[in-house]
Amino acid sequence: MKYLAASLLLGLSLSTVHADEFSKVNGSVHVSAGQTVDEVSTVNGAIRIDDNVTAKSVETVNGSINVGTGCSLGHVGTVNGGITLGEGTRVEDLETVNGKMHIGSDVQVAGDATSVNGGMWLDRGSHVRGNVENTNGAMTLEGARVDGRLKTVNGSITVGADSHVGGGILVEKPGFSWFGSNHNKPKIVIGPNAVVNGTLEFEREVELYVSNSAKIGKVKGAKPIMFSGAQP
């Protein structure tokens, strides 16, 4: 992600960039339904992609990315802006620095989904084959599947009912510059019938709640508080 802004600015300034409506420096970009395009990019502007679009990459620096249903995309990334994916869309990987991420129902992500400052929500039936990671912001799985690991520093994590995580959970210790972190313990909830394989490792103090019907791996650094019924 640290190279995205520079590379995108450089790429759009070169004469070899296609001079079409899908590659700009300034301004929003809109791809209408059913089209097949190469790259969709801008620097200062939002990107909106309608249903059933195919594209090799979708990138902006300052702007949100909103994707419709049934799309097939490569890398999707922004620096300052959120990402929203509609139902049944398929992407290679997702990344943002400052913005929320909403992965809709039955979305397939072949790689990782990463954010730095922003919450992450995975709807029912969505499947991330890599890791889901952020630093700040709530992370919620609602009947979703992640083959890799969930990782955060200061965010809460909810592995909702019937969700599945294959590679464990890691809550990292904040850096020395993160003042007051001990007063804001992340809340980790493993909901009814959820499964978290691998190690649940906590390098800082957290509140860990685990449903009686959930299945989890080894826990390091926290003592689970068991609960029944609806999640706390």
C-alpha atoms as a PDB file:
ATOM      1  CA  MET A   1       0.000   0.000   0.000  1.00  0.00           C
ATOM      2  CA  LYS A   2       2.852   2.461   0.706  1.00  0.00           C
ATOM      3  CA  TYR A   3       3.732   2.445  -2.993  1.00  0.00           C
ATOM      4  CA  LEU A   4       0.166   2.733  -4.324  1.00  0.00           C
ATOM      5  CA  ALA A   5      -0.107   6.537  -4.404  1.00  0.00           C
ATOM      6  CA  ALA A   6       3.300   7.082  -6.002  1.00  0.00           C
ATOM      7  CA  SER A   7       2.938   4.333  -8.580  1.00  0.00           C
ATOM      8  CA  LEU A   8      -0.562   5.397  -9.540  1.00  0.00           C
ATOM      9  CA  LEU A   9       0.485   9.036  -9.991  1.00  0.00           C
ATOM     10  CA  LEU A  10       3.475   7.964 -12.094  1.00  0.00           C
ATOM     11  CA  GLY A  11       1.462   5.522 -14.158  1.00  0.00           C
ATOM     12  CA  LEU A  12      -1.246   8.029 -15.001  1.00  0.00           C
ATOM     13  CA  SER A  13       1.348  10.622 -16.034  1.00  0.00           C
ATOM     14  CA  LEU A  14       2.971   8.383 -18.626  1.00  0.00           C
ATOM     15  CA  SER A  15       2.016   8.675 -22.274  1.00  0.00           C
ATOM     16  CA  THR A  16       1.342   4.952 -22.465  1.00  0.00           C
ATOM     17  CA  VAL A  17      -1.724   5.259 -20.210  1.00  0.00           C
ATOM     18  CA  HIS A  18      -4.925   4.754 -22.172  1.00  0.00           C
ATOM     19  CA  ALA A  19      -6.718   8.070 -22.651  1.00  0.00           C
ATOM     20  CA  ASP A  20     -10.189   6.776 -21.896  1.00  0.00           C
ATOM     21  CA  GLU A  21     -12.887   7.484 -19.336  1.00  0.00           C
ATOM     22  CA  PHE A  22     -11.585   4.802 -16.954  1.00  0.00           C
ATOM     23  CA  SER A  23      -8.159   6.376 -16.256  1.00  0.00           C
ATOM     24  CA  LYS A  24      -7.972   9.887 -14.830  1.00  0.00           C
ATOM     25  CA  VAL A  25      -5.852  12.019 -12.531  1.00  0.00           C
ATOM     26  CA  ASN A  26      -8.635  14.251 -11.207  1.00  0.00           C
ATOM     27  CA  GLY A  27     -12.295  13.355 -11.081  1.00  0.00           C
ATOM     28  CA  SER A  28     -14.589  10.472 -10.320  1.00  0.00           C
ATOM     29  CA  VAL A  29     -14.824   7.391 -12.528  1.00  0.00           C
ATOM     30  CA  HIS A  30     -17.995   5.444 -13.360  1.00  0.00           C
ATOM     31  CA  VAL A  31     -18.065   2.100 -15.174  1.00  0.00           C
ATOM     32  CA  SER A  32     -21.530   1.146 -16.347  1.00  0.00           C
ATOM     33  CA  ALA A  33     -22.965  -2.357 -16.045  1.00  0.00           C
ATOM     34  CA  GLY A  34     -21.714  -5.300 -18.047  1.00  0.00           C
ATOM     35  CA  GLN A  35     -18.499  -3.779 -19.375  1.00  0.00           C
ATOM     36  CA  THR A  36     -15.096  -5.457 -19.603  1.00  0.00           C
ATOM     37  CA  VAL A  37     -12.202  -3.046 -19.095  1.00  0.00           C
ATOM     38  CA  ASP A  38      -8.502  -3.130 -18.289  1.00  0.00           C
ATOM     39  CA  GLU A  39      -7.673  -0.797 -15.409  1.00  0.00           C
ATOM     40  CA  VAL A  40      -9.988   1.595 -13.613  1.00  0.00           C
ATOM     41  CA  SER A  41      -7.988   4.341 -11.918  1.00  0.00           C
ATOM     42  CA  THR A  42      -7.934   7.900 -10.681  1.00  0.00           C
ATOM     43  CA  VAL A  43      -5.950   9.873  -8.129  1.00  0.00           C
ATOM     44  CA  ASN A  44      -8.395  12.417  -6.773  1.00  0.00           C
ATOM     45  CA  GLY A  45     -11.878  11.005  -7.088  1.00  0.00           C
ATOM     46  CA  ALA A  46     -14.246   8.211  -6.224  1.00  0.00           C
ATOM     47  CA  ILE A  47     -14.813   5.100  -8.317  1.00  0.00           C
ATOM     48  CA  ARG A  48     -18.250   3.594  -8.922  1.00  0.00           C
ATOM     49  CA  ILE A  49     -18.596   0.272 -10.719  1.00  0.00           C
ATOM     50  CA  ASP A  50     -22.018  -1.041 -11.672  1.00  0.00           C
ATOM     51  CA  ASP A  51     -23.122  -4.687 -11.778  1.00  0.00           C
ATOM     52  CA  ASN A  52     -21.380  -7.445 -13.762  1.00  0.00           C
ATOM     53  CA  VAL A  53     -18.242  -5.503 -14.660  1.00  0.00           C
ATOM     54  CA  THR A  54     -14.894  -7.211 -15.325  1.00  0.00           C
ATOM     55  CA  ALA A  55     -11.653  -5.290 -14.671  1.00  0.00           C
ATOM     56  CA  LYS A  56      -8.008  -6.191 -14.033  1.00  0.00           C
ATOM     57  CA  SER A  57      -7.480  -3.523 -11.360  1.00  0.00           C
ATOM     58  CA  VAL A  58      -9.403  -0.775  -9.570  1.00  0.00           C
ATOM     59  CA  GLU A  59      -7.354   1.918  -7.805  1.00  0.00           C
ATOM     60  CA  THR A  60      -7.655   5.437  -6.461  1.00  0.00           C
ATOM     61  CA  VAL A  61      -5.727   7.494  -3.921  1.00  0.00           C
ATOM     62  CA  ASN A  62      -8.257   9.982  -2.581  1.00  0.00           C
ATOM     63  CA  GLY A  63     -11.731   8.551  -2.930  1.00  0.00           C
ATOM     64  CA  SER A  64     -14.046   5.682  -2.121  1.00  0.00           C
ATOM     65  CA  ILE A  65     -14.620   2.580  -4.244  1.00  0.00           C
ATOM     66  CA  ASN A  66     -18.154   1.232  -4.616  1.00  0.00           C
ATOM     67  CA  VAL A  67     -18.635  -2.001  -6.564  1.00  0.00           C
ATOM     68  CA  GLY A  68     -21.943  -3.496  -7.652  1.00  0.00           C
ATOM     69  CA  THR A  69     -23.036  -7.135  -7.726  1.00  0.00           C
ATOM     70  CA  GLY A  70     -21.569  -9.981  -9.739  1.00  0.00           C
ATOM     71  CA  CYS A  71     -18.332  -8.237 -10.731  1.00  0.00           C
ATOM     72  CA  SER A  72     -14.982  -9.888 -11.424  1.00  0.00           C
ATOM     73  CA  LEU A  73     -12.024  -7.707 -10.439  1.00  0.00           C
ATOM     74  CA  GLY A  74      -8.311  -7.945  -9.816  1.00  0.00           C
ATOM     75  CA  HIS A  75      -6.611  -5.799  -7.185  1.00  0.00           C
ATOM     76  CA  VAL A  76      -8.892  -3.239  -5.516  1.00  0.00           C
ATOM     77  CA  GLY A  77      -7.182  -0.502  -3.503  1.00  0.00           C
ATOM     78  CA  THR A  78      -7.447   3.036  -2.185  1.00  0.00           C
ATOM     79  CA  VAL A  79      -5.510   5.141   0.313  1.00  0.00           C
ATOM     80  CA  ASN A  80      -8.089   7.597   1.626  1.00  0.00           C
ATOM     81  CA  GLY A  81     -11.545   6.117   1.201  1.00  0.00           C
ATOM     82  CA  GLY A  82     -13.746   3.141   1.952  1.00  0.00           C
ATOM     83  CA  ILE A  83     -14.386   0.045  -0.153  1.00  0.00           C
ATOM     84  CA  THR A  84     -17.808  -1.555  -0.621  1.00  0.00           C
ATOM     85  CA  LEU A  85     -18.343  -4.760  -2.608  1.00  0.00           C
ATOM     86  CA  GLY A  86     -21.771  -5.921  -3.772  1.00  0.00           C
ATOM     87  CA  GLU A  87     -23.195  -9.418  -3.574  1.00  0.00           C
ATOM     88  CA  GLY A  88     -21.463 -12.196  -5.491  1.00  0.00           C
ATOM     89  CA  THR A  89     -18.471 -10.122  -6.590  1.00  0.00           C
ATOM     90  CA  ARG A  90     -15.053 -11.750  -6.963  1.00  0.00           C
ATOM     91  CA  VAL A  91     -11.749  -9.904  -6.376  1.00  0.00           C
ATOM     92  CA  GLU A  92      -8.079 -10.789  -6.102  1.00  0.00           C
ATOM     93  CA  ASP A  93      -7.316  -8.716  -2.999  1.00  0.00           C
ATOM     94  CA  LEU A  94      -8.414  -5.587  -1.133  1.00  0.00           C
ATOM     95  CA  GLU A  95      -6.511  -2.827   0.651  1.00  0.00           C
ATOM     96  CA  THR A  96      -7.153   0.607   2.080  1.00  0.00           C
ATOM     97  CA  VAL A  97      -5.326   2.806   4.577  1.00  0.00           C
ATOM     98  CA  ASN A  98      -7.949   5.231   5.846  1.00  0.00           C
ATOM     99  CA  GLY A  99     -11.436   3.895   5.292  1.00  0.00           C
ATOM    100  CA  LYS A 100     -13.991   1.251   6.128  1.00  0.00           C
ATOM    101  CA  MET A 101     -14.345  -1.986   4.204  1.00  0.00           C
ATOM    102  CA  HIS A 102     -17.684  -3.729   3.605  1.00  0.00           C
ATOM    103  CA  ILE A 103     -17.502  -7.129   1.918  1.00  0.00           C
ATOM    104  CA  GLY A 104     -21.011  -8.065   0.805  1.00  0.00           C
ATOM    105  CA  SER A 105     -22.749 -11.411   0.898  1.00  0.00           C
ATOM    106  CA  ASP A 106     -21.264 -14.271  -1.141  1.00  0.00           C
ATOM    107  CA  VAL A 107     -18.233 -12.185  -2.128  1.00  0.00           C
ATOM    108  CA  GLN A 108     -15.059 -14.154  -2.892  1.00  0.00           C
ATOM    109  CA  VAL A 109     -11.629 -12.648  -2.115  1.00  0.00           C
ATOM    110  CA  ALA A 110      -8.734 -14.727  -3.431  1.00  0.00           C
ATOM    111  CA  GLY A 111      -6.068 -13.029  -1.305  1.00  0.00           C
ATOM    112  CA  ASP A 112      -5.912 -10.696   1.687  1.00  0.00           C
ATOM    113  CA  ALA A 113      -8.243  -7.937   2.866  1.00  0.00           C
ATOM    114  CA  THR A 114      -6.324  -5.237   4.738  1.00  0.00           C
ATOM    115  CA  SER A 115      -7.003  -1.836   6.260  1.00  0.00           C
ATOM    116  CA  VAL A 116      -5.076   0.377   8.658  1.00  0.00           C
ATOM    117  CA  ASN A 117      -7.609   2.828  10.031  1.00  0.00           C
ATOM    118  CA  GLY A 118     -11.089   1.517   9.403  1.00  0.00           C
ATOM    119  CA  GLY A 119     -13.632  -1.064  10.395  1.00  0.00           C
ATOM    120  CA  MET A 120     -14.135  -4.238   8.371  1.00  0.00           C
ATOM    121  CA  TRP A 121     -17.442  -6.050   7.874  1.00  0.00           C
ATOM    122  CA  LEU A 122     -17.890  -9.417   6.125  1.00  0.00           C
ATOM    123  CA  ASP A 123     -21.459 -10.363   5.255  1.00  0.00           C
ATOM    124  CA  ARG A 124     -22.954 -13.832   5.300  1.00  0.00           C
ATOM    125  CA  GLY A 125     -21.503 -16.251   2.776  1.00  0.00           C
ATOM    126  CA  SER A 126     -18.444 -14.115   2.004  1.00  0.00           C
ATOM    127  CA  HIS A 127     -15.108 -15.938   1.791  1.00  0.00           C
ATOM    128  CA  VAL A 128     -11.611 -14.474   2.156  1.00  0.00           C
ATOM    129  CA  ARG A 129      -8.945 -17.026   1.295  1.00  0.00           C
ATOM    130  CA  GLY A 130      -6.119 -14.975   2.788  1.00  0.00           C
ATOM    131  CA  ASN A 131      -5.864 -12.884   5.954  1.00  0.00           C
ATOM    132  CA  VAL A 132      -8.097 -10.101   7.254  1.00  0.00           C
ATOM    133  CA  GLU A 133      -6.079  -7.416   9.027  1.00  0.00           C
ATOM    134  CA  ASN A 134      -6.373  -3.905  10.394  1.00  0.00           C
ATOM    135  CA  THR A 135      -4.856  -1.720  13.088  1.00  0.00           C
ATOM    136  CA  ASN A 136      -7.767   0.429  14.266  1.00  0.00           C
ATOM    137  CA  GLY A 137     -11.460  -0.328  13.876  1.00  0.00           C
ATOM    138  CA  ALA A 138     -13.998  -3.027  14.583  1.00  0.00           C
ATOM    139  CA  MET A 139     -13.765  -6.265  12.607  1.00  0.00           C
ATOM    140  CA  THR A 140     -16.986  -8.260  12.198  1.00  0.00           C
ATOM    141  CA  LEU A 141     -17.714 -11.589  10.495  1.00  0.00           C
ATOM    142  CA  GLU A 142     -21.403 -12.315  10.047  1.00  0.00           C
ATOM    143  CA  GLY A 143     -21.662 -15.910   8.877  1.00  0.00           C
ATOM    144  CA  ALA A 144     -18.460 -15.452   6.858  1.00  0.00           C
ATOM    145  CA  ARG A 145     -15.343 -17.538   6.250  1.00  0.00           C
ATOM    146  CA  VAL A 146     -11.681 -16.513   6.448  1.00  0.00           C
ATOM    147  CA  ASP A 147      -9.109 -19.166   5.578  1.00  0.00           C
ATOM    148  CA  GLY A 148      -6.213 -17.174   7.016  1.00  0.00           C
ATOM    149  CA  ARG A 149      -5.783 -15.190  10.212  1.00  0.00           C
ATOM    150  CA  LEU A 150      -7.603 -12.261  11.781  1.00  0.00           C
ATOM    151  CA  LYS A 151      -5.148  -9.639  13.041  1.00  0.00           C
ATOM    152  CA  THR A 152      -5.570  -6.268  14.729  1.00  0.00           C
ATOM    153  CA  VAL A 153      -3.881  -4.012  17.264  1.00  0.00           C
ATOM    154  CA  ASN A 154      -6.532  -1.734  18.720  1.00  0.00           C
ATOM    155  CA  GLY A 155      -9.749  -3.021  17.146  1.00  0.00           C
ATOM    156  CA  SER A 156     -12.463  -5.263  18.487  1.00  0.00           C
ATOM    157  CA  ILE A 157     -13.219  -8.545  16.718  1.00  0.00           C
ATOM    158  CA  THR A 158     -16.556 -10.324  16.424  1.00  0.00           C
ATOM    159  CA  VAL A 159     -16.560 -13.771  14.850  1.00  0.00           C
ATOM    160  CA  GLY A 160     -20.320 -13.969  14.515  1.00  0.00           C
ATOM    161  CA  ALA A 161     -22.605 -16.983  14.583  1.00  0.00           C
ATOM    162  CA  ASP A 162     -21.659 -19.752  12.116  1.00  0.00           C
ATOM    163  CA  SER A 163     -18.495 -17.966  10.979  1.00  0.00           C
ATOM    164  CA  HIS A 164     -15.266 -19.869  10.348  1.00  0.00           C
ATOM    165  CA  VAL A 165     -11.649 -18.719  10.744  1.00  0.00           C
ATOM    166  CA  GLY A 166      -8.933 -21.101   9.637  1.00  0.00           C
ATOM    167  CA  GLY A 167      -5.737 -19.416  10.834  1.00  0.00           C
ATOM    168  CA  GLY A 168      -6.427 -18.146  14.329  1.00  0.00           C
ATOM    169  CA  ILE A 169      -6.480 -14.633  15.777  1.00  0.00           C
ATOM    170  CA  LEU A 170      -3.647 -12.288  16.683  1.00  0.00           C
ATOM    171  CA  VAL A 171      -4.072  -9.069  18.682  1.00  0.00           C
ATOM    172  CA  GLU A 172      -0.698  -7.380  18.628  1.00  0.00           C
ATOM    173  CA  LYS A 173       0.820  -5.234  21.351  1.00  0.00           C
ATOM    174  CA  PRO A 174       0.580  -1.513  20.490  1.00  0.00           C
ATOM    175  CA  GLY A 175       3.711   0.484  19.910  1.00  0.00           C
ATOM    176  CA  PHE A 176       5.097   2.741  22.615  1.00  0.00           C
ATOM    177  CA  SER A 177       3.483   5.773  21.003  1.00  0.00           C
ATOM    178  CA  TRP A 178      -0.039   4.421  21.571  1.00  0.00           C
ATOM    179  CA  PHE A 179      -0.953   6.228  24.791  1.00  0.00           C
ATOM    180  CA  GLY A 180      -3.868   5.019  26.873  1.00  0.00           C
ATOM    181  CA  SER A 181      -4.116   1.659  25.152  1.00  0.00           C
ATOM    182  CA  ASN A 182      -4.448  -0.212  28.442  1.00  0.00           C
ATOM    183  CA  HIS A 183      -7.618   1.733  29.182  1.00  0.00           C
ATOM    184  CA  ASN A 184      -9.272   0.563  25.972  1.00  0.00           C
ATOM    185  CA  LYS A 185      -9.129  -3.203  25.970  1.00  0.00           C
ATOM    186  CA  PRO A 186     -10.233  -4.738  22.678  1.00  0.00           C
ATOM    187  CA  LYS A 187     -13.346  -6.902  22.947  1.00  0.00           C
ATOM    188  CA  ILE A 188     -13.106 -10.264  21.198  1.00  0.00           C
ATOM    189  CA  VAL A 189     -16.305 -12.286  20.742  1.00  0.00           C
ATOM    190  CA  ILE A 190     -16.541 -15.797  19.307  1.00  0.00           C
ATOM    191  CA  GLY A 191     -20.235 -16.324  18.632  1.00  0.00           C
ATOM    192  CA  PRO A 192     -22.565 -19.337  18.615  1.00  0.00           C
ATOM    193  CA  ASN A 193     -21.451 -22.242  16.418  1.00  0.00           C
ATOM    194  CA  ALA A 194     -18.439 -20.281  15.215  1.00  0.00           C
ATOM    195  CA  VAL A 195     -15.146 -22.075  14.572  1.00  0.00           C
ATOM    196  CA  VAL A 196     -11.685 -20.553  15.028  1.00  0.00           C
ATOM    197  CA  ASN A 197      -8.888 -22.968  14.208  1.00  0.00           C
ATOM    198  CA  GLY A 198      -5.278 -22.212  15.003  1.00  0.00           C
ATOM    199  CA  THR A 199      -4.006 -20.175  17.937  1.00  0.00           C
ATOM    200  CA  LEU A 200      -5.851 -17.253  19.498  1.00  0.00           C
ATOM    201  CA  GLU A 201      -2.899 -15.136  20.636  1.00  0.00           C
ATOM    202  CA  PHE A 202      -3.185 -11.887  22.577  1.00  0.00           C
ATOM    203  CA  GLU A 203      -0.092  -9.756  23.138  1.00  0.00           C
ATOM    204  CA  ARG A 204      -2.120  -7.199  25.094  1.00  0.00           C
ATOM    205  CA  GLU A 205      -4.999  -7.346  27.560  1.00  0.00           C
ATOM    206  CA  VAL A 206      -8.360  -8.081  25.951  1.00  0.00           C
ATOM    207  CA  GLU A 207     -11.870  -9.141  26.928  1.00  0.00           C
ATOM    208  CA  LEU A 208     -12.410 -12.558  25.348  1.00  0.00           C
ATOM    209  CA  TYR A 209     -15.949 -13.970  25.183  1.00  0.00           C
ATOM    210  CA  VAL A 210     -16.530 -17.440  23.744  1.00  0.00           C
ATOM    211  CA  SER A 211     -19.904 -19.074  23.133  1.00  0.00           C
ATOM    212  CA  ASN A 212     -20.466 -22.486  24.701  1.00  0.00           C
ATOM    213  CA  SER A 213     -21.270 -23.805  21.230  1.00  0.00           C
ATOM    214  CA  ALA A 214     -18.160 -22.367  19.554  1.00  0.00           C
ATOM    215  CA  LYS A 215     -15.010 -24.336  18.764  1.00  0.00           C
ATOM    216  CA  ILE A 216     -11.637 -22.655  19.201  1.00  0.00           C
ATOM    217  CA  GLY A 217      -7.964 -23.546  19.183  1.00  0.00           C
ATOM    218  CA  LYS A 218      -5.302 -22.854  21.783  1.00  0.00           C
ATOM    219  CA  VAL A 219      -5.582 -19.536  23.642  1.00  0.00           C
ATOM    220  CA  LYS A 220      -2.459 -17.554  24.627  1.00  0.00           C
ATOM    221  CA  GLY A 221      -2.534 -14.386  26.719  1.00  0.00           C
ATOM    222  CA  ALA A 222      -6.209 -14.300  27.754  1.00  0.00           C
ATOM    223  CA  LYS A 223      -8.769 -16.255  29.763  1.00  0.00           C
ATOM    224  CA  PRO A 224     -12.006 -16.977  27.876  1.00  0.00           C
ATOM    225  CA  ILE A 225     -15.298 -15.918  29.433  1.00  0.00           C
ATOM    226  CA  MET A 226     -17.861 -18.481  28.344  1.00  0.00           C
ATOM    227  CA  PHE A 227     -21.430 -17.469  27.534  1.00  0.00           C
ATOM    228  CA  SER A 228     -24.633 -19.015  26.225  1.00  0.00           C
ATOM    229  CA  GLY A 229     -27.427 -17.578  24.117  1.00  0.00           C
ATOM    230  CA  ALA A 230     -27.002 -14.327  22.240  1.00  0.00           C
ATOM    231  CA  GLN A 231     -23.482 -12.917  22.109  1.00  0.00           C
ATOM    232  CA  PRO A 232     -22.568 -10.241  24.702  1.00  0.00           C
END
